[in-house]
N, C-alpha and C. Protein backbone atom coordinates (compact mmCIF):
# COMPACT_ATOMS: atom_id res chain seq x y z
N MET A 1 141.04 -67.25 69.42
CA MET A 1 140.91 -66.01 68.66
C MET A 1 139.76 -66.14 67.63
N ARG A 2 138.90 -65.15 67.64
CA ARG A 2 137.73 -65.11 66.73
C ARG A 2 138.14 -64.71 65.34
N THR A 3 137.69 -65.48 64.36
CA THR A 3 137.89 -65.08 62.96
C THR A 3 136.83 -64.13 62.54
N VAL A 4 137.09 -62.96 61.98
CA VAL A 4 136.17 -61.98 61.57
C VAL A 4 135.95 -62.15 60.05
N HIS A 5 134.69 -62.35 59.66
CA HIS A 5 134.35 -62.50 58.32
C HIS A 5 134.52 -61.16 57.51
N PRO A 6 134.92 -61.18 56.28
CA PRO A 6 135.15 -59.95 55.54
C PRO A 6 133.90 -59.08 55.44
N ILE A 7 132.69 -59.65 55.49
CA ILE A 7 131.45 -58.87 55.47
C ILE A 7 131.31 -58.08 56.78
N GLU A 8 131.73 -58.64 57.86
CA GLU A 8 131.68 -57.86 59.15
C GLU A 8 132.71 -56.73 59.07
N THR A 9 133.94 -57.03 58.57
CA THR A 9 134.92 -55.94 58.50
C THR A 9 134.39 -54.83 57.63
N GLU A 10 133.78 -55.12 56.48
CA GLU A 10 133.24 -54.06 55.59
C GLU A 10 132.10 -53.33 56.31
N SER A 11 131.25 -54.08 57.01
CA SER A 11 130.12 -53.41 57.72
C SER A 11 130.62 -52.41 58.75
N TYR A 12 131.65 -52.78 59.50
CA TYR A 12 132.23 -51.83 60.45
C TYR A 12 132.84 -50.67 59.81
N ALA A 13 133.43 -50.85 58.60
CA ALA A 13 134.02 -49.70 57.91
C ALA A 13 132.93 -48.79 57.46
N ILE A 14 131.89 -49.31 56.95
CA ILE A 14 130.71 -48.44 56.59
C ILE A 14 130.02 -47.81 57.83
N LEU A 15 129.95 -48.48 58.89
CA LEU A 15 129.42 -47.92 60.12
C LEU A 15 130.25 -46.72 60.61
N ARG A 16 131.53 -46.83 60.52
CA ARG A 16 132.43 -45.76 60.97
C ARG A 16 132.47 -44.57 60.04
N THR A 17 131.98 -44.66 58.84
CA THR A 17 131.81 -43.49 58.00
C THR A 17 130.49 -42.74 58.33
N ARG A 18 129.64 -43.43 59.03
CA ARG A 18 128.29 -42.84 59.34
C ARG A 18 128.21 -42.48 60.79
N LEU A 19 129.09 -42.96 61.58
CA LEU A 19 129.01 -42.66 63.08
C LEU A 19 130.43 -42.57 63.67
N ASP A 20 130.75 -41.45 64.26
CA ASP A 20 132.08 -41.23 64.87
C ASP A 20 131.98 -41.66 66.25
N THR A 21 132.62 -42.78 66.63
CA THR A 21 132.69 -43.30 68.03
C THR A 21 134.04 -43.10 68.60
N ALA A 22 134.98 -42.44 67.95
CA ALA A 22 136.37 -42.37 68.37
C ALA A 22 136.57 -41.80 69.77
N ASP A 23 135.68 -40.93 70.21
CA ASP A 23 135.76 -40.32 71.56
C ASP A 23 135.20 -41.14 72.66
N LEU A 24 134.53 -42.23 72.35
CA LEU A 24 133.97 -43.08 73.39
C LEU A 24 135.02 -43.92 74.04
N PRO A 25 134.85 -44.19 75.37
CA PRO A 25 135.78 -45.15 76.02
C PRO A 25 135.69 -46.54 75.34
N PRO A 26 136.74 -47.34 75.48
CA PRO A 26 136.87 -48.53 74.61
C PRO A 26 135.65 -49.56 74.69
N LEU A 27 135.27 -49.87 75.92
CA LEU A 27 134.22 -50.83 76.00
C LEU A 27 132.87 -50.25 75.60
N THR A 28 132.63 -48.95 75.93
CA THR A 28 131.44 -48.27 75.48
C THR A 28 131.36 -48.21 73.95
N ARG A 29 132.47 -47.92 73.36
CA ARG A 29 132.61 -47.93 71.91
C ARG A 29 132.25 -49.30 71.37
N ALA A 30 132.86 -50.34 71.98
CA ALA A 30 132.57 -51.67 71.46
C ALA A 30 131.08 -52.04 71.53
N VAL A 31 130.46 -51.75 72.61
CA VAL A 31 129.02 -52.01 72.80
C VAL A 31 128.20 -51.18 71.82
N VAL A 32 128.49 -49.88 71.73
CA VAL A 32 127.67 -49.05 70.83
C VAL A 32 127.84 -49.60 69.41
N GLU A 33 129.09 -49.78 68.96
CA GLU A 33 129.27 -50.24 67.61
C GLU A 33 128.67 -51.58 67.26
N ARG A 34 128.82 -52.49 68.26
CA ARG A 34 128.17 -53.85 68.03
C ARG A 34 126.69 -53.81 67.84
N ILE A 35 126.07 -52.99 68.71
CA ILE A 35 124.62 -52.87 68.63
C ILE A 35 124.22 -52.10 67.35
N VAL A 36 124.89 -51.06 67.01
CA VAL A 36 124.65 -50.40 65.65
C VAL A 36 124.89 -51.33 64.54
N HIS A 37 125.98 -52.05 64.52
CA HIS A 37 126.25 -53.03 63.49
C HIS A 37 125.12 -54.05 63.43
N THR A 38 124.66 -54.58 64.50
CA THR A 38 123.61 -55.66 64.56
C THR A 38 122.35 -55.23 64.03
N THR A 39 122.01 -53.87 64.30
CA THR A 39 120.70 -53.41 63.95
C THR A 39 120.66 -52.50 62.69
N ALA A 40 121.90 -52.10 62.21
CA ALA A 40 122.04 -51.21 61.08
C ALA A 40 121.35 -49.91 61.34
N ASP A 41 121.38 -49.40 62.63
CA ASP A 41 120.68 -48.28 63.05
C ASP A 41 121.67 -47.35 63.92
N PRO A 42 122.29 -46.40 63.32
CA PRO A 42 123.19 -45.54 64.04
C PRO A 42 122.57 -44.68 65.19
N THR A 43 121.27 -44.55 65.16
CA THR A 43 120.68 -43.75 66.21
C THR A 43 120.69 -44.44 67.63
N TRP A 44 121.09 -45.70 67.67
CA TRP A 44 121.32 -46.29 68.92
C TRP A 44 122.39 -45.60 69.70
N ALA A 45 123.29 -44.97 69.09
CA ALA A 45 124.42 -44.28 69.73
C ALA A 45 123.93 -43.24 70.74
N GLY A 46 122.86 -42.47 70.40
CA GLY A 46 122.38 -41.50 71.31
C GLY A 46 121.31 -42.02 72.34
N ASP A 47 121.04 -43.28 72.18
CA ASP A 47 119.98 -43.91 73.09
C ASP A 47 120.57 -44.71 74.18
N LEU A 48 121.72 -45.33 74.00
CA LEU A 48 122.36 -46.18 74.93
C LEU A 48 122.87 -45.43 76.12
N VAL A 49 122.82 -46.10 77.26
CA VAL A 49 123.47 -45.55 78.53
C VAL A 49 124.39 -46.59 78.96
N CYS A 50 125.64 -46.29 78.91
CA CYS A 50 126.72 -47.17 79.27
C CYS A 50 127.67 -46.55 80.35
N ASP A 51 128.11 -47.33 81.27
CA ASP A 51 129.08 -46.92 82.32
C ASP A 51 130.36 -47.73 82.09
N GLU A 52 131.42 -47.12 81.77
CA GLU A 52 132.67 -47.84 81.37
C GLU A 52 133.15 -48.78 82.57
N ASP A 53 133.06 -48.33 83.81
CA ASP A 53 133.50 -49.15 84.89
C ASP A 53 132.57 -50.35 85.03
N ALA A 54 131.26 -50.17 84.82
CA ALA A 54 130.38 -51.36 84.91
C ALA A 54 130.64 -52.40 83.72
N LEU A 55 130.95 -51.80 82.55
CA LEU A 55 131.31 -52.68 81.39
C LEU A 55 132.57 -53.40 81.75
N ARG A 56 133.54 -52.74 82.26
CA ARG A 56 134.82 -53.39 82.58
C ARG A 56 134.61 -54.52 83.63
N ALA A 57 133.82 -54.26 84.67
CA ALA A 57 133.53 -55.29 85.67
C ALA A 57 132.76 -56.51 85.08
N GLY A 58 131.73 -56.18 84.20
CA GLY A 58 131.00 -57.23 83.56
C GLY A 58 131.84 -58.08 82.66
N ARG A 59 132.68 -57.41 81.92
CA ARG A 59 133.64 -58.14 81.03
C ARG A 59 134.54 -59.06 81.79
N ALA A 60 135.13 -58.49 82.85
CA ALA A 60 136.06 -59.29 83.69
C ALA A 60 135.33 -60.51 84.27
N ALA A 61 134.09 -60.28 84.72
CA ALA A 61 133.35 -61.35 85.31
C ALA A 61 133.02 -62.47 84.23
N LEU A 62 132.66 -62.04 83.00
CA LEU A 62 132.42 -63.02 81.98
C LEU A 62 133.59 -63.78 81.53
N LEU A 63 134.72 -63.12 81.49
CA LEU A 63 135.98 -63.81 81.14
C LEU A 63 136.44 -64.68 82.26
N ALA A 64 136.05 -64.41 83.49
CA ALA A 64 136.45 -65.23 84.65
C ALA A 64 135.50 -66.45 84.81
N GLY A 65 134.44 -66.52 83.94
CA GLY A 65 133.53 -67.60 83.99
C GLY A 65 132.31 -67.44 84.76
N ALA A 66 131.92 -66.15 85.13
CA ALA A 66 130.74 -65.92 85.94
C ALA A 66 129.53 -66.47 85.16
N PRO A 67 128.55 -66.92 85.89
CA PRO A 67 127.26 -67.37 85.15
C PRO A 67 126.72 -66.22 84.38
N LEU A 68 126.20 -66.56 83.26
CA LEU A 68 125.48 -65.61 82.38
C LEU A 68 124.04 -66.03 82.16
N ILE A 69 123.17 -65.18 82.67
CA ILE A 69 121.66 -65.51 82.74
C ILE A 69 121.00 -64.63 81.69
N ALA A 70 120.38 -65.29 80.69
CA ALA A 70 119.57 -64.58 79.68
C ALA A 70 118.11 -64.80 80.02
N ASP A 71 117.30 -63.79 79.71
CA ASP A 71 115.84 -63.93 80.12
C ASP A 71 115.21 -64.93 79.05
N VAL A 72 115.52 -64.91 77.86
CA VAL A 72 114.87 -65.80 76.95
C VAL A 72 115.93 -66.48 75.96
N ARG A 73 115.39 -67.53 75.34
CA ARG A 73 116.31 -68.24 74.47
C ARG A 73 116.77 -67.44 73.25
N MET A 74 115.96 -66.48 72.74
CA MET A 74 116.38 -65.65 71.65
C MET A 74 117.66 -64.87 72.00
N VAL A 75 117.73 -64.39 73.21
CA VAL A 75 118.99 -63.77 73.61
C VAL A 75 120.11 -64.71 73.73
N ALA A 76 119.90 -65.84 74.38
CA ALA A 76 120.96 -66.82 74.60
C ALA A 76 121.50 -67.29 73.20
N VAL A 77 120.67 -67.52 72.28
CA VAL A 77 121.11 -68.00 70.93
C VAL A 77 121.99 -66.99 70.24
N GLY A 78 121.73 -65.64 70.49
CA GLY A 78 122.56 -64.62 69.87
C GLY A 78 123.88 -64.46 70.45
N ILE A 79 124.06 -64.98 71.66
CA ILE A 79 125.41 -64.87 72.30
C ILE A 79 126.29 -65.94 71.86
N THR A 80 127.23 -65.63 70.94
CA THR A 80 127.99 -66.63 70.23
C THR A 80 129.27 -67.12 70.92
N ALA A 81 129.67 -66.47 71.92
CA ALA A 81 131.03 -66.76 72.50
C ALA A 81 130.99 -67.64 73.76
N ARG A 82 129.83 -67.86 74.36
CA ARG A 82 129.70 -68.70 75.53
C ARG A 82 128.31 -69.01 75.92
N PRO A 83 128.11 -70.13 76.61
CA PRO A 83 126.75 -70.62 76.93
C PRO A 83 126.14 -69.69 78.08
N SER A 84 124.86 -69.75 78.12
CA SER A 84 124.13 -69.03 79.23
C SER A 84 123.00 -69.87 79.71
N THR A 85 122.47 -69.55 80.90
CA THR A 85 121.27 -70.15 81.37
C THR A 85 120.10 -69.29 80.95
N VAL A 86 119.03 -69.91 80.45
CA VAL A 86 117.87 -69.32 80.03
C VAL A 86 116.82 -69.28 81.14
N ALA A 87 116.56 -68.08 81.63
CA ALA A 87 115.61 -68.04 82.85
C ALA A 87 114.28 -68.52 82.41
N LEU A 88 113.78 -68.25 81.32
CA LEU A 88 112.38 -68.68 80.90
C LEU A 88 112.26 -70.15 80.93
N ASP A 89 113.31 -70.83 80.71
CA ASP A 89 113.32 -72.37 80.76
C ASP A 89 113.05 -72.90 82.17
N LEU A 90 113.32 -72.07 83.16
CA LEU A 90 113.04 -72.47 84.51
C LEU A 90 111.66 -72.26 85.02
N ALA A 91 110.77 -71.71 84.14
CA ALA A 91 109.40 -71.37 84.53
C ALA A 91 108.41 -71.98 83.43
N PRO A 92 108.14 -73.25 83.54
CA PRO A 92 107.13 -73.80 82.66
C PRO A 92 105.80 -73.19 82.67
N VAL A 93 105.43 -72.60 83.84
CA VAL A 93 104.27 -71.87 84.02
C VAL A 93 104.52 -70.62 84.93
N ALA A 94 103.78 -69.57 84.82
CA ALA A 94 103.93 -68.34 85.62
C ALA A 94 103.37 -68.56 87.04
N GLU A 95 104.06 -67.97 87.98
CA GLU A 95 103.64 -67.90 89.32
C GLU A 95 102.50 -66.94 89.46
N GLN A 96 101.67 -67.04 90.44
CA GLN A 96 100.53 -66.15 90.67
C GLN A 96 101.00 -64.72 90.63
N GLY A 97 100.34 -63.90 89.75
CA GLY A 97 100.61 -62.44 89.73
C GLY A 97 101.85 -62.06 88.93
N LEU A 98 102.56 -63.05 88.37
CA LEU A 98 103.76 -62.72 87.62
C LEU A 98 103.61 -63.23 86.13
N THR A 99 104.41 -62.66 85.23
CA THR A 99 104.43 -63.23 83.89
C THR A 99 105.49 -64.42 83.91
N ARG A 100 105.42 -65.21 82.99
CA ARG A 100 106.38 -66.32 82.90
C ARG A 100 107.80 -65.85 82.92
N SER A 101 108.10 -64.70 82.13
CA SER A 101 109.43 -64.18 82.15
C SER A 101 109.85 -63.75 83.57
N ALA A 102 109.00 -63.09 84.25
CA ALA A 102 109.31 -62.69 85.63
C ALA A 102 109.55 -63.90 86.54
N THR A 103 108.72 -64.88 86.38
CA THR A 103 108.88 -66.16 87.20
C THR A 103 110.23 -66.77 86.89
N GLY A 104 110.61 -66.90 85.70
CA GLY A 104 111.90 -67.42 85.33
C GLY A 104 113.05 -66.62 85.93
N ILE A 105 112.99 -65.31 85.93
CA ILE A 105 114.06 -64.50 86.52
C ILE A 105 114.08 -64.73 88.08
N ARG A 106 112.88 -64.77 88.69
CA ARG A 106 112.78 -65.02 90.11
C ARG A 106 113.58 -66.44 90.42
N ARG A 107 113.24 -67.43 89.64
CA ARG A 107 113.91 -68.75 89.95
C ARG A 107 115.38 -68.73 89.63
N ALA A 108 115.79 -68.05 88.60
CA ALA A 108 117.22 -67.89 88.23
C ALA A 108 117.91 -67.18 89.39
N ALA A 109 117.32 -66.16 89.96
CA ALA A 109 117.90 -65.39 90.96
C ALA A 109 118.12 -66.22 92.23
N GLN A 110 117.24 -67.12 92.52
CA GLN A 110 117.38 -67.99 93.68
C GLN A 110 118.59 -68.89 93.56
N SER A 111 118.92 -69.24 92.34
CA SER A 111 120.14 -70.04 92.10
C SER A 111 121.37 -69.19 91.89
N HIS A 112 121.29 -68.00 91.55
CA HIS A 112 122.39 -67.07 91.26
C HIS A 112 122.27 -65.71 91.89
N PRO A 113 122.31 -65.73 93.27
CA PRO A 113 122.04 -64.45 94.01
C PRO A 113 123.23 -63.49 93.94
N ASP A 114 124.45 -64.02 93.60
CA ASP A 114 125.61 -63.12 93.66
C ASP A 114 126.55 -63.48 92.57
N GLY A 115 126.96 -62.52 91.70
CA GLY A 115 128.08 -62.72 90.77
C GLY A 115 127.77 -63.02 89.35
N ALA A 116 126.48 -63.29 89.03
CA ALA A 116 126.07 -63.58 87.67
C ALA A 116 125.93 -62.33 86.87
N VAL A 117 126.17 -62.36 85.56
CA VAL A 117 125.86 -61.31 84.58
C VAL A 117 124.51 -61.58 84.07
N TRP A 118 123.61 -60.59 84.10
CA TRP A 118 122.22 -60.80 83.69
C TRP A 118 122.01 -59.97 82.37
N VAL A 119 121.27 -60.60 81.43
CA VAL A 119 120.94 -59.92 80.14
C VAL A 119 119.45 -60.11 79.84
N ILE A 120 118.77 -58.97 79.85
CA ILE A 120 117.35 -58.99 79.65
C ILE A 120 117.11 -58.27 78.36
N GLY A 121 116.65 -59.01 77.38
CA GLY A 121 116.32 -58.45 76.00
C GLY A 121 114.93 -58.60 75.53
N ASN A 122 114.03 -59.06 76.38
CA ASN A 122 112.70 -59.33 75.88
C ASN A 122 111.64 -58.60 76.75
N ALA A 123 111.27 -59.10 77.90
CA ALA A 123 110.17 -58.67 78.66
C ALA A 123 110.58 -57.64 79.75
N PRO A 124 109.95 -56.46 79.74
CA PRO A 124 110.13 -55.52 80.81
C PRO A 124 109.81 -56.18 82.18
N THR A 125 108.90 -57.08 82.25
CA THR A 125 108.63 -57.66 83.57
C THR A 125 109.71 -58.46 84.10
N ALA A 126 110.58 -58.96 83.21
CA ALA A 126 111.78 -59.74 83.67
C ALA A 126 112.75 -58.77 84.34
N LEU A 127 112.90 -57.60 83.82
CA LEU A 127 113.84 -56.61 84.38
C LEU A 127 113.23 -56.11 85.69
N ASP A 128 111.98 -55.81 85.72
CA ASP A 128 111.29 -55.44 86.88
C ASP A 128 111.56 -56.44 88.03
N GLU A 129 111.33 -57.70 87.76
CA GLU A 129 111.51 -58.77 88.74
C GLU A 129 112.98 -58.87 89.16
N LEU A 130 113.90 -58.73 88.24
CA LEU A 130 115.36 -58.76 88.66
C LEU A 130 115.62 -57.72 89.65
N LEU A 131 115.09 -56.57 89.43
CA LEU A 131 115.36 -55.47 90.39
C LEU A 131 114.76 -55.73 91.81
N ARG A 132 113.65 -56.41 91.78
CA ARG A 132 113.02 -56.88 93.07
C ARG A 132 113.78 -57.89 93.74
N THR A 133 114.61 -58.68 93.08
CA THR A 133 115.27 -59.86 93.74
C THR A 133 116.37 -59.39 94.59
N GLY A 134 116.99 -58.21 94.26
CA GLY A 134 118.17 -57.84 95.04
C GLY A 134 119.48 -58.60 94.83
N VAL A 135 119.54 -59.29 93.67
CA VAL A 135 120.78 -59.99 93.37
C VAL A 135 121.93 -58.96 93.29
N ARG A 136 123.09 -59.54 93.47
CA ARG A 136 124.35 -58.67 93.29
C ARG A 136 124.95 -59.12 92.03
N SER A 137 125.21 -58.23 91.21
CA SER A 137 125.70 -58.53 89.88
C SER A 137 126.80 -57.51 89.38
N PRO A 138 127.84 -58.00 88.72
CA PRO A 138 128.80 -57.08 88.21
C PRO A 138 128.25 -56.27 87.00
N LEU A 139 127.17 -56.81 86.33
CA LEU A 139 126.63 -56.07 85.19
C LEU A 139 125.22 -56.61 84.91
N VAL A 140 124.30 -55.72 84.61
CA VAL A 140 123.00 -56.08 84.16
C VAL A 140 122.80 -55.39 82.76
N ILE A 141 122.58 -56.14 81.76
CA ILE A 141 122.26 -55.63 80.47
C ILE A 141 120.76 -55.56 80.32
N GLY A 142 120.12 -54.40 80.50
CA GLY A 142 118.73 -54.22 80.53
C GLY A 142 118.21 -53.52 79.28
N LEU A 143 117.92 -54.30 78.32
CA LEU A 143 117.46 -53.85 77.04
C LEU A 143 116.12 -54.51 76.60
N PRO A 144 115.13 -54.56 77.51
CA PRO A 144 113.87 -55.11 77.08
C PRO A 144 113.15 -54.19 76.07
N VAL A 145 112.25 -54.78 75.39
CA VAL A 145 111.62 -54.01 74.26
C VAL A 145 110.08 -53.94 74.53
N GLY A 146 109.51 -52.85 74.02
CA GLY A 146 108.04 -52.88 74.09
C GLY A 146 107.42 -51.46 74.46
N PHE A 147 106.17 -51.31 74.08
CA PHE A 147 105.40 -50.10 74.33
C PHE A 147 104.99 -50.06 75.86
N VAL A 148 104.86 -51.20 76.50
CA VAL A 148 104.28 -51.28 77.79
C VAL A 148 105.43 -51.63 78.77
N GLY A 149 105.92 -50.66 79.54
CA GLY A 149 106.77 -50.99 80.63
C GLY A 149 108.26 -50.88 80.34
N SER A 150 108.71 -50.90 79.14
CA SER A 150 110.11 -50.97 78.90
C SER A 150 110.85 -49.72 79.27
N VAL A 151 110.33 -48.62 78.96
CA VAL A 151 111.05 -47.33 79.38
C VAL A 151 111.07 -47.14 80.91
N ALA A 152 109.98 -47.56 81.58
CA ALA A 152 109.95 -47.48 83.02
C ALA A 152 110.91 -48.48 83.67
N ALA A 153 110.96 -49.72 83.13
CA ALA A 153 111.90 -50.66 83.69
C ALA A 153 113.33 -50.29 83.59
N LYS A 154 113.66 -49.71 82.42
CA LYS A 154 115.10 -49.34 82.16
C LYS A 154 115.37 -48.17 83.00
N ALA A 155 114.50 -47.19 83.17
CA ALA A 155 114.68 -46.03 84.08
C ALA A 155 114.90 -46.52 85.53
N ALA A 156 114.12 -47.51 85.96
CA ALA A 156 114.16 -48.03 87.30
C ALA A 156 115.60 -48.67 87.50
N LEU A 157 116.09 -49.37 86.48
CA LEU A 157 117.44 -50.00 86.52
C LEU A 157 118.47 -48.87 86.78
N ARG A 158 118.39 -47.87 86.03
CA ARG A 158 119.35 -46.73 86.12
C ARG A 158 119.26 -46.11 87.49
N ASP A 159 118.01 -45.84 87.94
CA ASP A 159 117.77 -45.19 89.14
C ASP A 159 118.23 -45.99 90.35
N ALA A 160 118.19 -47.29 90.27
CA ALA A 160 118.67 -48.26 91.26
C ALA A 160 120.18 -48.17 91.46
N GLY A 161 120.88 -47.64 90.45
CA GLY A 161 122.33 -47.47 90.54
C GLY A 161 123.08 -48.78 90.32
N TRP A 162 122.46 -49.82 89.81
CA TRP A 162 123.06 -51.08 89.52
C TRP A 162 124.02 -50.85 88.36
N PRO A 163 125.15 -51.57 88.32
CA PRO A 163 126.07 -51.49 87.13
C PRO A 163 125.26 -52.08 85.89
N ALA A 164 125.17 -51.19 84.83
CA ALA A 164 124.25 -51.62 83.78
C ALA A 164 124.56 -50.99 82.43
N ILE A 165 123.97 -51.57 81.45
CA ILE A 165 123.78 -51.10 80.08
C ILE A 165 122.31 -51.01 79.96
N SER A 166 121.80 -49.82 79.48
CA SER A 166 120.40 -49.79 79.26
C SER A 166 120.25 -48.72 78.14
N ASN A 167 118.95 -48.38 77.73
CA ASN A 167 118.72 -47.40 76.80
C ASN A 167 117.49 -46.60 77.19
N ARG A 168 117.24 -45.46 76.72
CA ARG A 168 116.16 -44.62 77.12
C ARG A 168 114.86 -44.82 76.44
N SER A 169 114.83 -45.42 75.32
CA SER A 169 113.57 -45.51 74.50
C SER A 169 112.92 -46.90 74.71
N GLU A 170 111.84 -47.09 73.96
CA GLU A 170 111.05 -48.36 74.00
C GLU A 170 111.68 -49.53 73.26
N ARG A 171 112.63 -49.09 72.37
CA ARG A 171 113.33 -50.20 71.60
C ARG A 171 114.28 -50.96 72.49
N GLY A 172 114.59 -52.06 72.04
CA GLY A 172 115.52 -52.97 72.70
C GLY A 172 115.43 -54.31 71.96
N GLY A 173 115.45 -55.36 72.66
CA GLY A 173 115.23 -56.64 72.03
C GLY A 173 116.37 -57.59 72.18
N ALA A 174 116.17 -58.86 71.74
CA ALA A 174 117.09 -59.90 71.87
C ALA A 174 118.36 -59.58 71.04
N ALA A 175 118.28 -59.15 69.86
CA ALA A 175 119.52 -58.91 69.08
C ALA A 175 120.36 -57.86 69.74
N ALA A 176 119.87 -56.80 70.18
CA ALA A 176 120.61 -55.72 70.85
C ALA A 176 121.25 -56.26 72.14
N ALA A 177 120.44 -56.94 72.89
CA ALA A 177 120.99 -57.45 74.24
C ALA A 177 122.12 -58.47 73.99
N ALA A 178 121.90 -59.37 73.04
CA ALA A 178 123.03 -60.31 72.77
C ALA A 178 124.20 -59.67 72.15
N ALA A 179 123.98 -58.59 71.36
CA ALA A 179 125.11 -57.79 70.79
C ALA A 179 125.91 -57.13 71.81
N ALA A 180 125.34 -56.68 72.89
CA ALA A 180 126.07 -56.13 73.97
C ALA A 180 126.97 -57.03 74.65
N VAL A 181 126.51 -58.23 74.95
CA VAL A 181 127.27 -59.36 75.56
C VAL A 181 128.45 -59.68 74.63
N ASN A 182 128.14 -59.84 73.34
CA ASN A 182 129.18 -60.27 72.29
C ASN A 182 130.17 -59.18 72.29
N ALA A 183 129.85 -57.92 72.32
CA ALA A 183 130.82 -56.82 72.27
C ALA A 183 131.80 -56.89 73.42
N LEU A 184 131.30 -57.23 74.56
CA LEU A 184 132.22 -57.32 75.78
C LEU A 184 133.14 -58.57 75.57
N LEU A 185 132.66 -59.64 75.08
CA LEU A 185 133.47 -60.86 74.90
C LEU A 185 134.48 -60.77 73.71
N TYR A 186 134.10 -59.96 72.64
CA TYR A 186 134.96 -59.88 71.51
C TYR A 186 136.00 -58.73 71.68
N CYS A 187 135.73 -57.79 72.56
CA CYS A 187 136.60 -56.70 72.66
C CYS A 187 138.02 -57.10 73.06
N GLU A 188 138.99 -56.52 72.48
CA GLU A 188 140.39 -56.90 72.75
C GLU A 188 140.97 -56.07 73.90
N GLU A 189 140.28 -55.12 74.43
CA GLU A 189 140.82 -54.40 75.61
C GLU A 189 141.09 -55.38 76.75
N SER A 190 142.08 -55.25 77.47
CA SER A 190 142.37 -56.10 78.56
C SER A 190 141.40 -55.69 79.69
N ALA A 191 141.02 -56.71 80.40
CA ALA A 191 140.00 -56.50 81.57
C ALA A 191 140.69 -55.93 82.71
């Protein structure tokens, strides 16, 4: 059982005076609130795209011990409830025509073609490469950040129909991506 610090309790109380999430399904609410709490930015609520069935499947997979693959160490460090594999660590150098982030995702996909939960919070090229690999996943958390390619990569994730969490804007990042994973792991709803 996780011990919640009084500051976190107070922060959620403040959050709920500024943002009404009562009508959201339980896991969507958990993800939205955790990201808003992490960023202190209530406008995330209108930007996130969540599918409750995908969240439920991802949570169940995580609780059952499915591999968790993070694109970069910043995401992995932010996930406080369980370890993950860092794809970038698998790519000391980039393969021809790819970024190092995309190379790491390609290599991680070779080791985890089926059943891993993927969390991308840094490079849009990592999400693009994940989509090219054709892995089978119960959940992809696609929240890369940036002015170049992030909106298109997240739209491609949604268009591909993969079970996912994404957002519509250029924002994203390690903190938001890790927060989404933590929300699923901390939520008390049964899987």
